[in-house]
Amino acid sequence: MSESENDNGMASFEENLEAANAAEDAAEKDVSEKLSELTGDIQRLQAEYSNYRKRVERDRSLARETAIADVLNAFLPVLDDFARANEHGELNGAFKSVSDSVDGIMKKYGLETFGAAGEDFDPSIHEAVTHQTSDANGEVVTVVTDVYQSGFRFAGRVLRPARVAVEDIVRSV
């Protein structure tokens, strides 16, 4: 073999080696891009699944609260009957025990009673049945003077406003 053939063979070998390296770099770049794309897809799917789980848990919690509120609402007339019987002294013995048990269960599930004489009137939780006004000068505030029917609240939501009598009074500063 002559020296020029040897140089041509060496040049051809180097060109082939460079072409092989370039092809290898391109393949590595393609694999790296595909890996990045698939990693991004997996991260998006993971985020979507996490958001789905949170949404399902929130919906489940809301459905539970709604179901409990519906049951508590159904018991409000029974609680009113117990309260009226107690006011008239007719709640004693076994009936008193039943009333106390029902009250305990209602409190266990988060039912709150509100509406008492002397509270400041709040139209978002009270329903004024009667209202007496005052002609006095000064800072006039409206307060609850009598409660006709207690109000009930569950999970921060008013199930039934308290039905009350209110009066404007002058509050000394």
C-alpha atoms as a PDB file:
ATOM      1  CA  MET A   1       0.000   0.000   0.000  1.00  0.00           C
ATOM      2  CA  SER A   2       1.252   3.381  -0.869  1.00  0.00           C
ATOM      3  CA  GLU A   3       1.481   6.269   1.456  1.00  0.00           C
ATOM      4  CA  SER A   4      -1.271   8.226  -0.360  1.00  0.00           C
ATOM      5  CA  GLU A   5      -3.627   5.263  -0.142  1.00  0.00           C
ATOM      6  CA  ASN A   6      -2.758   4.986   3.526  1.00  0.00           C
ATOM      7  CA  ASP A   7      -3.513   8.719   4.027  1.00  0.00           C
ATOM      8  CA  ASN A   8      -6.794   8.368   2.119  1.00  0.00           C
ATOM      9  CA  GLY A   9      -7.736   5.356   4.223  1.00  0.00           C
ATOM     10  CA  MET A  10      -6.856   7.201   7.421  1.00  0.00           C
ATOM     11  CA  ALA A  11      -8.867  10.243   6.305  1.00  0.00           C
ATOM     12  CA  SER A  12     -11.768   8.017   5.416  1.00  0.00           C
ATOM     13  CA  PHE A  13     -11.512   6.299   8.808  1.00  0.00           C
ATOM     14  CA  GLU A  14     -11.493   9.682  10.624  1.00  0.00           C
ATOM     15  CA  GLU A  15     -14.474  10.874   8.569  1.00  0.00           C
ATOM     16  CA  ASN A  16     -16.337   7.683   9.417  1.00  0.00           C
ATOM     17  CA  LEU A  17     -15.393   8.085  13.091  1.00  0.00           C
ATOM     18  CA  GLU A  18     -16.595  11.712  13.112  1.00  0.00           C
ATOM     19  CA  ALA A  19     -19.827  10.698  11.373  1.00  0.00           C
ATOM     20  CA  ALA A  20     -20.352   7.897  13.901  1.00  0.00           C
ATOM     21  CA  ASN A  21     -19.685  10.312  16.812  1.00  0.00           C
ATOM     22  CA  ALA A  22     -22.100  12.867  15.314  1.00  0.00           C
ATOM     23  CA  ALA A  23     -24.756  10.179  14.889  1.00  0.00           C
ATOM     24  CA  GLU A  24     -24.167   9.015  18.453  1.00  0.00           C
ATOM     25  CA  ASP A  25     -24.466  12.622  19.740  1.00  0.00           C
ATOM     26  CA  ALA A  26     -27.703  13.100  17.771  1.00  0.00           C
ATOM     27  CA  ALA A  27     -29.125   9.836  19.122  1.00  0.00           C
ATOM     28  CA  GLU A  28     -28.102  10.815  22.672  1.00  0.00           C
ATOM     29  CA  LYS A  29     -29.737  14.212  22.192  1.00  0.00           C
ATOM     30  CA  ASP A  30     -32.939  12.542  20.925  1.00  0.00           C
ATOM     31  CA  VAL A  31     -32.994  10.163  23.898  1.00  0.00           C
ATOM     32  CA  SER A  32     -32.368  13.071  26.301  1.00  0.00           C
ATOM     33  CA  GLU A  33     -35.199  15.125  24.743  1.00  0.00           C
ATOM     34  CA  LYS A  34     -37.557  12.133  24.855  1.00  0.00           C
ATOM     35  CA  LEU A  35     -36.604  11.504  28.503  1.00  0.00           C
ATOM     36  CA  SER A  36     -37.296  15.160  29.376  1.00  0.00           C
ATOM     37  CA  GLU A  37     -40.633  15.014  27.565  1.00  0.00           C
ATOM     38  CA  LEU A  38     -41.691  11.807  29.332  1.00  0.00           C
ATOM     39  CA  THR A  39     -40.528  13.171  32.714  1.00  0.00           C
ATOM     40  CA  GLY A  40     -42.647  16.287  32.104  1.00  0.00           C
ATOM     41  CA  ASP A  41     -45.643  14.121  31.179  1.00  0.00           C
ATOM     42  CA  ILE A  42     -45.260  12.065  34.355  1.00  0.00           C
ATOM     43  CA  GLN A  43     -44.982  15.210  36.494  1.00  0.00           C
ATOM     44  CA  ARG A  44     -48.125  16.662  34.891  1.00  0.00           C
ATOM     45  CA  LEU A  45     -50.022  13.401  35.446  1.00  0.00           C
ATOM     46  CA  GLN A  46     -48.835  13.294  39.042  1.00  0.00           C
ATOM     47  CA  ALA A  47     -50.004  16.891  39.607  1.00  0.00           C
ATOM     48  CA  GLU A  48     -53.375  16.155  37.956  1.00  0.00           C
ATOM     49  CA  TYR A  49     -53.850  13.073  40.130  1.00  0.00           C
ATOM     50  CA  SER A  50     -52.940  15.014  43.266  1.00  0.00           C
ATOM     51  CA  ASN A  51     -55.454  17.747  42.355  1.00  0.00           C
ATOM     52  CA  TYR A  52     -58.082  15.090  41.602  1.00  0.00           C
ATOM     53  CA  ARG A  53     -57.533  13.458  45.018  1.00  0.00           C
ATOM     54  CA  LYS A  54     -57.855  16.830  46.771  1.00  0.00           C
ATOM     55  CA  ARG A  55     -61.022  17.669  44.823  1.00  0.00           C
ATOM     56  CA  VAL A  56     -62.581  14.271  45.587  1.00  0.00           C
ATOM     57  CA  GLU A  57     -61.738  14.626  49.288  1.00  0.00           C
ATOM     58  CA  ARG A  58     -63.206  18.162  49.352  1.00  0.00           C
ATOM     59  CA  ASP A  59     -66.356  16.957  47.556  1.00  0.00           C
ATOM     60  CA  ARG A  60     -66.651  13.992  49.915  1.00  0.00           C
ATOM     61  CA  SER A  61     -66.321  16.285  52.928  1.00  0.00           C
ATOM     62  CA  LEU A  62     -68.911  18.686  51.508  1.00  0.00           C
ATOM     63  CA  ALA A  63     -71.321  15.813  50.788  1.00  0.00           C
ATOM     64  CA  ARG A  64     -70.856  14.553  54.354  1.00  0.00           C
ATOM     65  CA  GLU A  65     -71.544  18.011  55.820  1.00  0.00           C
ATOM     66  CA  THR A  66     -74.603  18.423  53.601  1.00  0.00           C
ATOM     67  CA  ALA A  67     -75.981  15.027  54.652  1.00  0.00           C
ATOM     68  CA  ILE A  68     -75.426  15.793  58.345  1.00  0.00           C
ATOM     69  CA  ALA A  69     -77.039  19.231  57.917  1.00  0.00           C
ATOM     70  CA  ASP A  70     -80.078  17.614  56.273  1.00  0.00           C
ATOM     71  CA  VAL A  71     -80.502  15.155  59.153  1.00  0.00           C
ATOM     72  CA  LEU A  72     -80.015  17.897  61.763  1.00  0.00           C
ATOM     73  CA  ASN A  73     -82.581  20.054  59.941  1.00  0.00           C
ATOM     74  CA  ALA A  74     -85.085  17.213  60.117  1.00  0.00           C
ATOM     75  CA  PHE A  75     -84.620  17.053  63.901  1.00  0.00           C
ATOM     76  CA  LEU A  76     -85.185  20.791  64.543  1.00  0.00           C
ATOM     77  CA  PRO A  77     -88.957  20.414  65.133  1.00  0.00           C
ATOM     78  CA  VAL A  78     -88.245  17.646  67.670  1.00  0.00           C
ATOM     79  CA  LEU A  79     -85.772  19.903  69.476  1.00  0.00           C
ATOM     80  CA  ASP A  80     -88.385  22.686  69.471  1.00  0.00           C
ATOM     81  CA  ASP A  81     -90.941  20.309  71.014  1.00  0.00           C
ATOM     82  CA  PHE A  82     -88.452  19.306  73.718  1.00  0.00           C
ATOM     83  CA  ALA A  83     -87.705  22.991  74.443  1.00  0.00           C
ATOM     84  CA  ARG A  84     -91.408  23.888  74.714  1.00  0.00           C
ATOM     85  CA  ALA A  85     -92.097  20.894  76.983  1.00  0.00           C
ATOM     86  CA  ASN A  86     -89.173  21.934  79.176  1.00  0.00           C
ATOM     87  CA  GLU A  87     -90.458  25.527  79.390  1.00  0.00           C
ATOM     88  CA  HIS A  88     -93.820  24.282  80.622  1.00  0.00           C
ATOM     89  CA  GLY A  89     -92.335  21.835  83.127  1.00  0.00           C
ATOM     90  CA  GLU A  90     -93.648  18.807  81.267  1.00  0.00           C
ATOM     91  CA  LEU A  91     -90.235  17.330  80.510  1.00  0.00           C
ATOM     92  CA  ASN A  92     -89.328  14.944  83.315  1.00  0.00           C
ATOM     93  CA  GLY A  93     -88.434  11.322  83.950  1.00  0.00           C
ATOM     94  CA  ALA A  94     -87.764   9.181  80.915  1.00  0.00           C
ATOM     95  CA  PHE A  95     -88.715  11.968  78.513  1.00  0.00           C
ATOM     96  CA  LYS A  96     -86.081  14.207  80.101  1.00  0.00           C
ATOM     97  CA  SER A  97     -83.523  11.441  79.577  1.00  0.00           C
ATOM     98  CA  VAL A  98     -84.495  11.097  75.915  1.00  0.00           C
ATOM     99  CA  SER A  99     -84.327  14.871  75.462  1.00  0.00           C
ATOM    100  CA  ASP A 100     -80.858  15.013  77.020  1.00  0.00           C
ATOM    101  CA  SER A 101     -79.665  12.123  74.833  1.00  0.00           C
ATOM    102  CA  VAL A 102     -80.937  13.780  71.660  1.00  0.00           C
ATOM    103  CA  ASP A 103     -79.338  17.106  72.676  1.00  0.00           C
ATOM    104  CA  GLY A 104     -76.049  15.312  73.316  1.00  0.00           C
ATOM    105  CA  ILE A 105     -76.128  13.633  69.922  1.00  0.00           C
ATOM    106  CA  MET A 106     -76.930  16.909  68.180  1.00  0.00           C
ATOM    107  CA  LYS A 107     -74.002  18.631  69.909  1.00  0.00           C
ATOM    108  CA  LYS A 108     -71.727  15.684  69.076  1.00  0.00           C
ATOM    109  CA  TYR A 109     -72.426  16.247  65.387  1.00  0.00           C
ATOM    110  CA  GLY A 110     -71.783  19.984  65.703  1.00  0.00           C
ATOM    111  CA  LEU A 111     -75.224  21.546  66.045  1.00  0.00           C
ATOM    112  CA  GLU A 112     -74.994  24.895  67.823  1.00  0.00           C
ATOM    113  CA  THR A 113     -77.921  26.747  69.367  1.00  0.00           C
ATOM    114  CA  PHE A 114     -77.983  30.532  69.404  1.00  0.00           C
ATOM    115  CA  GLY A 115     -80.324  33.359  70.228  1.00  0.00           C
ATOM    116  CA  ALA A 116     -80.585  34.673  73.761  1.00  0.00           C
ATOM    117  CA  ALA A 117     -82.110  37.743  75.350  1.00  0.00           C
ATOM    118  CA  GLY A 118     -79.582  40.560  75.698  1.00  0.00           C
ATOM    119  CA  GLU A 119     -77.603  39.741  72.531  1.00  0.00           C
ATOM    120  CA  ASP A 120     -77.063  42.453  69.965  1.00  0.00           C
ATOM    121  CA  PHE A 121     -79.433  41.968  67.040  1.00  0.00           C
ATOM    122  CA  ASP A 122     -77.715  40.567  63.941  1.00  0.00           C
ATOM    123  CA  PRO A 123     -79.983  40.278  60.895  1.00  0.00           C
ATOM    124  CA  SER A 124     -77.778  37.540  59.434  1.00  0.00           C
ATOM    125  CA  ILE A 125     -78.652  35.155  62.299  1.00  0.00           C
ATOM    126  CA  HIS A 126     -81.818  36.655  63.815  1.00  0.00           C
ATOM    127  CA  GLU A 127     -85.279  37.103  62.370  1.00  0.00           C
ATOM    128  CA  ALA A 128     -87.038  39.991  64.116  1.00  0.00           C
ATOM    129  CA  VAL A 129     -90.690  39.161  64.680  1.00  0.00           C
ATOM    130  CA  THR A 130     -91.432  42.315  66.714  1.00  0.00           C
ATOM    131  CA  HIS A 131     -89.483  45.550  67.007  1.00  0.00           C
ATOM    132  CA  GLN A 132     -89.947  48.298  69.559  1.00  0.00           C
ATOM    133  CA  THR A 133     -88.317  51.626  68.817  1.00  0.00           C
ATOM    134  CA  SER A 134     -86.965  54.261  71.139  1.00  0.00           C
ATOM    135  CA  ASP A 135     -87.111  58.072  70.983  1.00  0.00           C
ATOM    136  CA  ALA A 136     -84.091  58.494  73.250  1.00  0.00           C
ATOM    137  CA  ASN A 137     -81.011  60.414  72.150  1.00  0.00           C
ATOM    138  CA  GLY A 138     -77.576  58.860  72.127  1.00  0.00           C
ATOM    139  CA  GLU A 139     -76.105  55.693  70.691  1.00  0.00           C
ATOM    140  CA  VAL A 140     -79.074  53.476  69.926  1.00  0.00           C
ATOM    141  CA  VAL A 141     -78.454  49.769  69.498  1.00  0.00           C
ATOM    142  CA  THR A 142     -80.928  47.043  68.720  1.00  0.00           C
ATOM    143  CA  VAL A 143     -80.884  44.124  71.155  1.00  0.00           C
ATOM    144  CA  VAL A 144     -82.796  40.882  71.475  1.00  0.00           C
ATOM    145  CA  THR A 145     -85.379  41.129  74.260  1.00  0.00           C
ATOM    146  CA  ASP A 146     -87.199  37.812  73.858  1.00  0.00           C
ATOM    147  CA  VAL A 147     -86.544  34.595  71.950  1.00  0.00           C
ATOM    148  CA  TYR A 148     -89.582  32.956  70.379  1.00  0.00           C
ATOM    149  CA  GLN A 149     -87.636  30.195  68.649  1.00  0.00           C
ATOM    150  CA  SER A 150     -83.934  29.362  69.001  1.00  0.00           C
ATOM    151  CA  GLY A 151     -81.667  29.494  66.008  1.00  0.00           C
ATOM    152  CA  PHE A 152     -79.404  26.664  64.930  1.00  0.00           C
ATOM    153  CA  ARG A 153     -76.035  26.651  63.195  1.00  0.00           C
ATOM    154  CA  PHE A 154     -73.945  23.796  61.787  1.00  0.00           C
ATOM    155  CA  ALA A 155     -70.406  24.040  60.373  1.00  0.00           C
ATOM    156  CA  GLY A 156     -70.570  27.838  60.363  1.00  0.00           C
ATOM    157  CA  ARG A 157     -73.802  27.815  58.372  1.00  0.00           C
ATOM    158  CA  VAL A 158     -77.117  29.016  59.784  1.00  0.00           C
ATOM    159  CA  LEU A 159     -79.675  26.214  59.474  1.00  0.00           C
ATOM    160  CA  ARG A 160     -82.447  28.323  60.944  1.00  0.00           C
ATOM    161  CA  PRO A 161     -82.330  31.926  62.188  1.00  0.00           C
ATOM    162  CA  ALA A 162     -83.482  32.673  65.713  1.00  0.00           C
ATOM    163  CA  ARG A 163     -86.952  34.241  65.760  1.00  0.00           C
ATOM    164  CA  VAL A 164     -86.780  37.081  68.257  1.00  0.00           C
ATOM    165  CA  ALA A 165     -88.319  40.255  69.604  1.00  0.00           C
ATOM    166  CA  VAL A 166     -85.986  43.245  69.464  1.00  0.00           C
ATOM    167  CA  GLU A 167     -85.898  46.673  70.992  1.00  0.00           C
ATOM    168  CA  ASP A 168     -83.845  49.793  70.389  1.00  0.00           C
ATOM    169  CA  ILE A 169     -82.065  50.865  73.561  1.00  0.00           C
ATOM    170  CA  VAL A 170     -79.648  53.628  74.390  1.00  0.00           C
ATOM    171  CA  ARG A 171     -76.300  52.226  75.343  1.00  0.00           C
ATOM    172  CA  SER A 172     -74.190  54.414  77.593  1.00  0.00           C
ATOM    173  CA  VAL A 173     -70.606  54.837  76.498  1.00  0.00           C
END
